[in-house]
Amino acid sequence: MENSRDFFCFPQWRGAVLGFSIMYLIVAICCSQFGNSILGLLTDNYHAHMPLPTGIIMALVVAYLTWSLGRWFLYRPDRFRDAWTFKKLA
């Protein structure tokens, strides 16, 4: 399996696993007290509820980071830098 560079048992499900992971982490971080605490630590401004524009920006950042790291874990590109670009990985 290592020689074929197929590190995921069901390669046809990579996109679904990555999409589910992105959605789960967006909801888990942006819609919870944990995400609000991270926002408070970063901005030193604590809110009872996360403002909508800030939540949208945070959701985009979490989605990009999850997508990039997920591509690195699931597709194992030759160079780590390729996981952070928008080019298609085989």
PDB file of N, CA and C in Angstrom:
ATOM      1  N   MET A   1       0.829  -1.189   0.000  1.00  0.00           N
ATOM      2  CA  MET A   1       0.000   0.000   0.000  1.00  0.00           C
ATOM      3  C   MET A   1       0.877   1.258   0.000  1.00  0.00           C
ATOM      4  N   GLU A   2       1.983   1.242   0.733  1.00  0.00           N
ATOM      5  CA  GLU A   2       2.837   2.419   0.753  1.00  0.00           C
ATOM      6  C   GLU A   2       3.475   2.666  -0.599  1.00  0.00           C
ATOM      7  N   ASN A   3       3.849   1.616  -1.278  1.00  0.00           N
ATOM      8  CA  ASN A   3       4.483   1.789  -2.580  1.00  0.00           C
ATOM      9  C   ASN A   3       3.524   2.348  -3.612  1.00  0.00           C
ATOM     10  N   SER A   4       2.246   2.055  -3.476  1.00  0.00           N
ATOM     11  CA  SER A   4       1.258   2.585  -4.422  1.00  0.00           C
ATOM     12  C   SER A   4       0.829   3.998  -4.040  1.00  0.00           C
ATOM     13  N   ARG A   5       1.323   4.522  -2.919  1.00  0.00           N
ATOM     14  CA  ARG A   5       0.993   5.860  -2.408  1.00  0.00           C
ATOM     15  C   ARG A   5      -0.494   5.997  -2.120  1.00  0.00           C
ATOM     16  N   ASP A   6      -1.147   4.875  -1.836  1.00  0.00           N
ATOM     17  CA  ASP A   6      -2.569   4.877  -1.509  1.00  0.00           C
ATOM     18  C   ASP A   6      -2.689   4.700   0.004  1.00  0.00           C
ATOM     19  N   PHE A   7      -2.658   5.810   0.743  1.00  0.00           N
ATOM     20  CA  PHE A   7      -2.620   5.755   2.195  1.00  0.00           C
ATOM     21  C   PHE A   7      -4.008   5.683   2.819  1.00  0.00           C
ATOM     22  N   PHE A   8      -5.026   5.831   2.037  1.00  0.00           N
ATOM     23  CA  PHE A   8      -6.392   5.833   2.548  1.00  0.00           C
ATOM     24  C   PHE A   8      -7.063   4.556   2.075  1.00  0.00           C
ATOM     25  N   CYS A   9      -7.721   3.831   2.971  1.00  0.00           N
ATOM     26  CA  CYS A   9      -8.288   2.515   2.625  1.00  0.00           C
ATOM     27  C   CYS A   9      -9.353   2.597   1.536  1.00  0.00           C
ATOM     28  N   PHE A  10     -10.126   3.644   1.517  1.00  0.00           N
ATOM     29  CA  PHE A  10     -11.188   3.812   0.523  1.00  0.00           C
ATOM     30  C   PHE A  10     -10.951   5.124  -0.226  1.00  0.00           C
ATOM     31  N   PRO A  11     -10.108   5.119  -1.242  1.00  0.00           N
ATOM     32  CA  PRO A  11      -9.743   6.371  -1.917  1.00  0.00           C
ATOM     33  C   PRO A  11     -10.925   7.099  -2.545  1.00  0.00           C
ATOM     34  N   GLN A  12     -11.996   6.393  -2.899  1.00  0.00           N
ATOM     35  CA  GLN A  12     -13.146   7.057  -3.507  1.00  0.00           C
ATOM     36  C   GLN A  12     -13.900   7.918  -2.489  1.00  0.00           C
ATOM     37  N   TRP A  13     -13.635   7.733  -1.204  1.00  0.00           N
ATOM     38  CA  TRP A  13     -14.324   8.508  -0.164  1.00  0.00           C
ATOM     39  C   TRP A  13     -13.502   9.679   0.353  1.00  0.00           C
ATOM     40  N   ARG A  14     -12.354   9.951  -0.238  1.00  0.00           N
ATOM     41  CA  ARG A  14     -11.511  11.052   0.244  1.00  0.00           C
ATOM     42  C   ARG A  14     -12.246  12.383   0.248  1.00  0.00           C
ATOM     43  N   GLY A  15     -12.921  12.698  -0.839  1.00  0.00           N
ATOM     44  CA  GLY A  15     -13.645  13.976  -0.926  1.00  0.00           C
ATOM     45  C   GLY A  15     -14.748  14.089   0.107  1.00  0.00           C
ATOM     46  N   ALA A  16     -15.466  12.999   0.336  1.00  0.00           N
ATOM     47  CA  ALA A  16     -16.547  13.017   1.329  1.00  0.00           C
ATOM     48  C   ALA A  16     -15.991  13.180   2.741  1.00  0.00           C
ATOM     49  N   VAL A  17     -14.901  12.479   3.044  1.00  0.00           N
ATOM     50  CA  VAL A  17     -14.281  12.599   4.367  1.00  0.00           C
ATOM     51  C   VAL A  17     -13.779  14.018   4.584  1.00  0.00           C
ATOM     52  N   LEU A  18     -13.149  14.571   3.574  1.00  0.00           N
ATOM     53  CA  LEU A  18     -12.631  15.936   3.684  1.00  0.00           C
ATOM     54  C   LEU A  18     -13.765  16.945   3.835  1.00  0.00           C
ATOM     55  N   GLY A  19     -14.816  16.805   3.058  1.00  0.00           N
ATOM     56  CA  GLY A  19     -15.965  17.715   3.168  1.00  0.00           C
ATOM     57  C   GLY A  19     -16.652  17.627   4.519  1.00  0.00           C
ATOM     58  N   PHE A  20     -16.839  16.405   5.028  1.00  0.00           N
ATOM     59  CA  PHE A  20     -17.454  16.236   6.345  1.00  0.00           C
ATOM     60  C   PHE A  20     -16.568  16.849   7.429  1.00  0.00           C
ATOM     61  N   SER A  21     -15.261  16.651   7.329  1.00  0.00           N
ATOM     62  CA  SER A  21     -14.339  17.207   8.323  1.00  0.00           C
ATOM     63  C   SER A  21     -14.384  18.729   8.334  1.00  0.00           C
ATOM     64  N   ILE A  22     -14.439  19.317   7.150  1.00  0.00           N
ATOM     65  CA  ILE A  22     -14.508  20.780   7.055  1.00  0.00           C
ATOM     66  C   ILE A  22     -15.786  21.288   7.704  1.00  0.00           C
ATOM     67  N   MET A  23     -16.922  20.692   7.370  1.00  0.00           N
ATOM     68  CA  MET A  23     -18.201  21.147   7.934  1.00  0.00           C
ATOM     69  C   MET A  23     -18.234  20.944   9.449  1.00  0.00           C
ATOM     70  N   TYR A  24     -17.743  19.807   9.913  1.00  0.00           N
ATOM     71  CA  TYR A  24     -17.747  19.528  11.345  1.00  0.00           C
ATOM     72  C   TYR A  24     -16.908  20.544  12.108  1.00  0.00           C
ATOM     73  N   LEU A  25     -15.704  20.825  11.625  1.00  0.00           N
ATOM     74  CA  LEU A  25     -14.848  21.765  12.334  1.00  0.00           C
ATOM     75  C   LEU A  25     -15.360  23.196  12.271  1.00  0.00           C
ATOM     76  N   ILE A  26     -16.000  23.567  11.171  1.00  0.00           N
ATOM     77  CA  ILE A  26     -16.596  24.903  11.102  1.00  0.00           C
ATOM     78  C   ILE A  26     -17.663  25.048  12.173  1.00  0.00           C
ATOM     79  N   VAL A  27     -18.539  24.072  12.278  1.00  0.00           N
ATOM     80  CA  VAL A  27     -19.605  24.139  13.282  1.00  0.00           C
ATOM     81  C   VAL A  27     -19.025  24.032  14.683  1.00  0.00           C
ATOM     82  N   ALA A  28     -18.081  23.118  14.891  1.00  0.00           N
ATOM     83  CA  ALA A  28     -17.520  22.903  16.221  1.00  0.00           C
ATOM     84  C   ALA A  28     -16.742  24.108  16.731  1.00  0.00           C
ATOM     85  N   ILE A  29     -16.071  24.813  15.845  1.00  0.00           N
ATOM     86  CA  ILE A  29     -15.253  25.941  16.298  1.00  0.00           C
ATOM     87  C   ILE A  29     -16.023  27.251  16.268  1.00  0.00           C
ATOM     88  N   CYS A  30     -16.738  27.516  15.186  1.00  0.00           N
ATOM     89  CA  CYS A  30     -17.369  28.826  15.036  1.00  0.00           C
ATOM     90  C   CYS A  30     -18.688  28.958  15.795  1.00  0.00           C
ATOM     91  N   CYS A  31     -19.317  27.873  16.118  1.00  0.00           N
ATOM     92  CA  CYS A  31     -20.626  27.944  16.784  1.00  0.00           C
ATOM     93  C   CYS A  31     -20.549  27.455  18.224  1.00  0.00           C
ATOM     94  N   SER A  32     -19.385  27.555  18.832  1.00  0.00           N
ATOM     95  CA  SER A  32     -19.253  27.060  20.197  1.00  0.00           C
ATOM     96  C   SER A  32     -18.532  28.082  21.069  1.00  0.00           C
ATOM     97  N   GLN A  33     -18.540  27.809  22.339  1.00  0.00           N
ATOM     98  CA  GLN A  33     -17.833  28.679  23.268  1.00  0.00           C
ATOM     99  C   GLN A  33     -16.328  28.588  23.051  1.00  0.00           C
ATOM    100  N   PHE A  34     -15.857  27.455  22.560  1.00  0.00           N
ATOM    101  CA  PHE A  34     -14.432  27.294  22.258  1.00  0.00           C
ATOM    102  C   PHE A  34     -13.990  28.294  21.197  1.00  0.00           C
ATOM    103  N   GLY A  35     -14.760  28.415  20.125  1.00  0.00           N
ATOM    104  CA  GLY A  35     -14.434  29.383  19.083  1.00  0.00           C
ATOM    105  C   GLY A  35     -14.497  30.806  19.588  1.00  0.00           C
ATOM    106  N   ASN A  36     -15.470  31.077  20.444  1.00  0.00           N
ATOM    107  CA  ASN A  36     -15.597  32.410  21.033  1.00  0.00           C
ATOM    108  C   ASN A  36     -14.399  32.707  21.943  1.00  0.00           C
ATOM    109  N   SER A  37     -13.902  31.692  22.639  1.00  0.00           N
ATOM    110  CA  SER A  37     -12.723  31.879  23.485  1.00  0.00           C
ATOM    111  C   SER A  37     -11.478  32.144  22.646  1.00  0.00           C
ATOM    112  N   ILE A  38     -11.342  31.429  21.525  1.00  0.00           N
ATOM    113  CA  ILE A  38     -10.206  31.671  20.625  1.00  0.00           C
ATOM    114  C   ILE A  38     -10.262  33.095  20.092  1.00  0.00           C
ATOM    115  N   LEU A  39     -11.449  33.528  19.688  1.00  0.00           N
ATOM    116  CA  LEU A  39     -11.616  34.898  19.201  1.00  0.00           C
ATOM    117  C   LEU A  39     -11.251  35.905  20.283  1.00  0.00           C
ATOM    118  N   GLY A  40     -11.667  35.647  21.515  1.00  0.00           N
ATOM    119  CA  GLY A  40     -11.330  36.542  22.620  1.00  0.00           C
ATOM    120  C   GLY A  40      -9.839  36.591  22.888  1.00  0.00           C
ATOM    121  N   LEU A  41      -9.168  35.433  22.796  1.00  0.00           N
ATOM    122  CA  LEU A  41      -7.720  35.416  23.006  1.00  0.00           C
ATOM    123  C   LEU A  41      -6.984  36.167  21.909  1.00  0.00           C
ATOM    124  N   LEU A  42      -7.445  36.016  20.671  1.00  0.00           N
ATOM    125  CA  LEU A  42      -6.759  36.672  19.548  1.00  0.00           C
ATOM    126  C   LEU A  42      -6.977  38.174  19.525  1.00  0.00           C
ATOM    127  N   THR A  43      -8.192  38.605  19.861  1.00  0.00           N
ATOM    128  CA  THR A  43      -8.508  40.029  19.755  1.00  0.00           C
ATOM    129  C   THR A  43      -8.504  40.761  21.082  1.00  0.00           C
ATOM    130  N   ASP A  44      -8.428  40.015  22.190  1.00  0.00           N
ATOM    131  CA  ASP A  44      -8.520  40.578  23.544  1.00  0.00           C
ATOM    132  C   ASP A  44      -9.815  41.365  23.725  1.00  0.00           C
ATOM    133  N   ASN A  45     -10.873  40.866  23.096  1.00  0.00           N
ATOM    134  CA  ASN A  45     -12.190  41.493  23.168  1.00  0.00           C
ATOM    135  C   ASN A  45     -13.220  40.370  23.246  1.00  0.00           C
ATOM    136  N   TYR A  46     -13.750  40.138  24.431  1.00  0.00           N
ATOM    137  CA  TYR A  46     -14.652  39.010  24.652  1.00  0.00           C
ATOM    138  C   TYR A  46     -16.099  39.440  24.435  1.00  0.00           C
ATOM    139  N   HIS A  47     -16.816  38.651  23.632  1.00  0.00           N
ATOM    140  CA  HIS A  47     -18.223  38.909  23.346  1.00  0.00           C
ATOM    141  C   HIS A  47     -19.065  37.774  23.924  1.00  0.00           C
ATOM    142  N   ALA A  48     -20.307  38.068  24.234  1.00  0.00           N
ATOM    143  CA  ALA A  48     -21.225  37.005  24.662  1.00  0.00           C
ATOM    144  C   ALA A  48     -21.544  36.085  23.490  1.00  0.00           C
ATOM    145  N   HIS A  49     -21.682  36.664  22.293  1.00  0.00           N
ATOM    146  CA  HIS A  49     -21.920  35.905  21.061  1.00  0.00           C
ATOM    147  C   HIS A  49     -20.954  36.405  20.004  1.00  0.00           C
ATOM    148  N   MET A  50     -20.540  35.497  19.124  1.00  0.00           N
ATOM    149  CA  MET A  50     -19.608  35.888  18.069  1.00  0.00           C
ATOM    150  C   MET A  50     -20.334  36.745  17.037  1.00  0.00           C
ATOM    151  N   PRO A  51     -19.797  37.920  16.687  1.00  0.00           N
ATOM    152  CA  PRO A  51     -20.405  38.743  15.642  1.00  0.00           C
ATOM    153  C   PRO A  51     -20.420  37.997  14.309  1.00  0.00           C
ATOM    154  N   LEU A  52     -21.449  38.201  13.514  1.00  0.00           N
ATOM    155  CA  LEU A  52     -21.627  37.473  12.259  1.00  0.00           C
ATOM    156  C   LEU A  52     -20.462  37.659  11.287  1.00  0.00           C
ATOM    157  N   PRO A  53     -20.007  38.891  11.010  1.00  0.00           N
ATOM    158  CA  PRO A  53     -18.878  39.029  10.071  1.00  0.00           C
ATOM    159  C   PRO A  53     -17.613  38.310  10.563  1.00  0.00           C
ATOM    160  N   THR A  54     -17.358  38.378  11.855  1.00  0.00           N
ATOM    161  CA  THR A  54     -16.198  37.693  12.419  1.00  0.00           C
ATOM    162  C   THR A  54     -16.373  36.183  12.322  1.00  0.00           C
ATOM    163  N   GLY A  55     -17.575  35.688  12.551  1.00  0.00           N
ATOM    164  CA  GLY A  55     -17.850  34.254  12.430  1.00  0.00           C
ATOM    165  C   GLY A  55     -17.651  33.756  11.013  1.00  0.00           C
ATOM    166  N   ILE A  56     -18.030  34.568  10.034  1.00  0.00           N
ATOM    167  CA  ILE A  56     -17.852  34.187   8.627  1.00  0.00           C
ATOM    168  C   ILE A  56     -16.370  34.111   8.280  1.00  0.00           C
ATOM    169  N   ILE A  57     -15.610  35.118   8.710  1.00  0.00           N
ATOM    170  CA  ILE A  57     -14.165  35.113   8.446  1.00  0.00           C
ATOM    171  C   ILE A  57     -13.506  33.930   9.142  1.00  0.00           C
ATOM    172  N   MET A  58     -13.901  33.670  10.375  1.00  0.00           N
ATOM    173  CA  MET A  58     -13.333  32.544  11.111  1.00  0.00           C
ATOM    174  C   MET A  58     -13.697  31.220  10.443  1.00  0.00           C
ATOM    175  N   ALA A  59     -14.917  31.109   9.934  1.00  0.00           N
ATOM    176  CA  ALA A  59     -15.329  29.892   9.236  1.00  0.00           C
ATOM    177  C   ALA A  59     -14.498  29.682   7.975  1.00  0.00           C
ATOM    178  N   LEU A  60     -14.210  30.743   7.248  1.00  0.00           N
ATOM    179  CA  LEU A  60     -13.378  30.627   6.043  1.00  0.00           C
ATOM    180  C   LEU A  60     -11.946  30.213   6.380  1.00  0.00           C
ATOM    181  N   VAL A  61     -11.402  30.764   7.442  1.00  0.00           N
ATOM    182  CA  VAL A  61     -10.040  30.404   7.851  1.00  0.00           C
ATOM    183  C   VAL A  61      -9.988  28.942   8.292  1.00  0.00           C
ATOM    184  N   VAL A  62     -10.959  28.519   9.096  1.00  0.00           N
ATOM    185  CA  VAL A  62     -11.008  27.127   9.554  1.00  0.00           C
ATOM    186  C   VAL A  62     -11.189  26.186   8.363  1.00  0.00           C
ATOM    187  N   ALA A  63     -12.042  26.561   7.407  1.00  0.00           N
ATOM    188  CA  ALA A  63     -12.273  25.719   6.229  1.00  0.00           C
ATOM    189  C   ALA A  63     -10.992  25.583   5.407  1.00  0.00           C
ATOM    190  N   TYR A  64     -10.274  26.670   5.189  1.00  0.00           N
ATOM    191  CA  TYR A  64      -9.039  26.607   4.400  1.00  0.00           C
ATOM    192  C   TYR A  64      -7.976  25.769   5.100  1.00  0.00           C
ATOM    193  N   LEU A  65      -7.799  25.971   6.392  1.00  0.00           N
ATOM    194  CA  LEU A  65      -6.799  25.192   7.125  1.00  0.00           C
ATOM    195  C   LEU A  65      -7.153  23.710   7.145  1.00  0.00           C
ATOM    196  N   THR A  66      -8.426  23.395   7.362  1.00  0.00           N
ATOM    197  CA  THR A  66      -8.863  21.994   7.366  1.00  0.00           C
ATOM    198  C   THR A  66      -8.699  21.375   5.994  1.00  0.00           C
ATOM    199  N   TRP A  67      -9.059  22.121   4.961  1.00  0.00           N
ATOM    200  CA  TRP A  67      -8.932  21.631   3.590  1.00  0.00           C
ATOM    201  C   TRP A  67      -7.472  21.345   3.251  1.00  0.00           C
ATOM    202  N   SER A  68      -6.580  22.256   3.590  1.00  0.00           N
ATOM    203  CA  SER A  68      -5.165  22.091   3.264  1.00  0.00           C
ATOM    204  C   SER A  68      -4.540  20.934   4.030  1.00  0.00           C
ATOM    205  N   LEU A  69      -4.776  20.880   5.330  1.00  0.00           N
ATOM    206  CA  LEU A  69      -4.213  19.783   6.112  1.00  0.00           C
ATOM    207  C   LEU A  69      -4.844  18.447   5.717  1.00  0.00           C
ATOM    208  N   GLY A  70      -6.134  18.458   5.406  1.00  0.00           N
ATOM    209  CA  GLY A  70      -6.795  17.237   4.953  1.00  0.00           C
ATOM    210  C   GLY A  70      -6.227  16.739   3.641  1.00  0.00           C
ATOM    211  N   ARG A  71      -5.940  17.646   2.725  1.00  0.00           N
ATOM    212  CA  ARG A  71      -5.313  17.252   1.452  1.00  0.00           C
ATOM    213  C   ARG A  71      -3.936  16.665   1.702  1.00  0.00           C
ATOM    214  N   TRP A  72      -3.209  17.222   2.659  1.00  0.00           N
ATOM    215  CA  TRP A  72      -1.882  16.700   2.969  1.00  0.00           C
ATOM    216  C   TRP A  72      -1.975  15.292   3.560  1.00  0.00           C
ATOM    217  N   PHE A  73      -2.929  15.072   4.491  1.00  0.00           N
ATOM    218  CA  PHE A  73      -3.079  13.759   5.113  1.00  0.00           C
ATOM    219  C   PHE A  73      -3.659  12.718   4.154  1.00  0.00           C
ATOM    220  N   LEU A  74      -4.647  13.098   3.368  1.00  0.00           N
ATOM    221  CA  LEU A  74      -5.353  12.126   2.539  1.00  0.00           C
ATOM    222  C   LEU A  74      -4.699  11.851   1.198  1.00  0.00           C
ATOM    223  N   TYR A  75      -4.067  12.862   0.593  1.00  0.00           N
ATOM    224  CA  TYR A  75      -3.516  12.693  -0.751  1.00  0.00           C
ATOM    225  C   TYR A  75      -2.002  12.528  -0.775  1.00  0.00           C
ATOM    226  N   ARG A  76      -1.316  12.893   0.292  1.00  0.00           N
ATOM    227  CA  ARG A  76       0.132  12.774   0.392  1.00  0.00           C
ATOM    228  C   ARG A  76       0.854  13.307  -0.843  1.00  0.00           C
ATOM    229  N   PRO A  77       0.783  14.621  -1.090  1.00  0.00           N
ATOM    230  CA  PRO A  77       1.492  15.165  -2.261  1.00  0.00           C
ATOM    231  C   PRO A  77       3.005  15.038  -2.083  1.00  0.00           C
ATOM    232  N   ASP A  78       3.704  15.129  -3.201  1.00  0.00           N
ATOM    233  CA  ASP A  78       5.162  15.007  -3.167  1.00  0.00           C
ATOM    234  C   ASP A  78       5.805  16.124  -2.349  1.00  0.00           C
ATOM    235  N   ARG A  79       5.259  17.308  -2.454  1.00  0.00           N
ATOM    236  CA  ARG A  79       5.770  18.442  -1.687  1.00  0.00           C
ATOM    237  C   ARG A  79       4.674  18.960  -0.766  1.00  0.00           C
ATOM    238  N   PHE A  80       5.029  19.285   0.472  1.00  0.00           N
ATOM    239  CA  PHE A  80       4.067  19.793   1.449  1.00  0.00           C
ATOM    240  C   PHE A  80       3.409  21.077   0.957  1.00  0.00           C
ATOM    241  N   ARG A  81       4.158  21.879   0.235  1.00  0.00           N
ATOM    242  CA  ARG A  81       3.656  23.156  -0.275  1.00  0.00           C
ATOM    243  C   ARG A  81       2.470  22.949  -1.226  1.00  0.00           C
ATOM    244  N   ASP A  82       2.451  21.823  -1.943  1.00  0.00           N
ATOM    245  CA  ASP A  82       1.358  21.558  -2.888  1.00  0.00           C
ATOM    246  C   ASP A  82       0.012  21.376  -2.196  1.00  0.00           C
ATOM    247  N   ALA A  83       0.005  20.966  -0.943  1.00  0.00           N
ATOM    248  CA  ALA A  83      -1.261  20.785  -0.220  1.00  0.00           C
ATOM    249  C   ALA A  83      -1.948  22.119   0.029  1.00  0.00           C
ATOM    250  N   TRP A  84      -1.192  23.217   0.055  1.00  0.00           N
ATOM    251  CA  TRP A  84      -1.730  24.531   0.372  1.00  0.00           C
ATOM    252  C   TRP A  84      -2.135  25.310  -0.884  1.00  0.00           C
ATOM    253  N   THR A  85      -1.933  24.739  -2.057  1.00  0.00           N
ATOM    254  CA  THR A  85      -2.312  25.409  -3.297  1.00  0.00           C
ATOM    255  C   THR A  85      -3.651  24.869  -3.782  1.00  0.00           C
ATOM    256  N   PHE A  86      -4.173  25.488  -4.813  1.00  0.00           N
ATOM    257  CA  PHE A  86      -5.482  25.090  -5.329  1.00  0.00           C
ATOM    258  C   PHE A  86      -5.379  24.130  -6.509  1.00  0.00           C
ATOM    259  N   LYS A  87      -4.186  23.649  -6.811  1.00  0.00           N
ATOM    260  CA  LYS A  87      -4.077  22.734  -7.932  1.00  0.00           C
ATOM    261  C   LYS A  87      -4.577  21.349  -7.535  1.00  0.00           C
ATOM    262  N   LYS A  88      -5.071  20.612  -8.509  1.00  0.00           N
ATOM    263  CA  LYS A  88      -5.673  19.304  -8.269  1.00  0.00           C
ATOM    264  C   LYS A  88      -4.593  18.286  -7.942  1.00  0.00           C
ATOM    265  N   LEU A  89      -4.837  17.501  -6.898  1.00  0.00           N
ATOM    266  CA  LEU A  89      -3.926  16.435  -6.508  1.00  0.00           C
ATOM    267  C   LEU A  89      -4.486  15.108  -6.986  1.00  0.00           C
ATOM    268  N   ALA A  90      -3.631  14.234  -7.424  1.00  0.00           N
ATOM    269  CA  ALA A  90      -4.071  12.929  -7.927  1.00  0.00           C
ATOM    270  C   ALA A  90      -4.391  11.973  -6.810  1.00  0.00           C
TER     271      ALA A  90
END
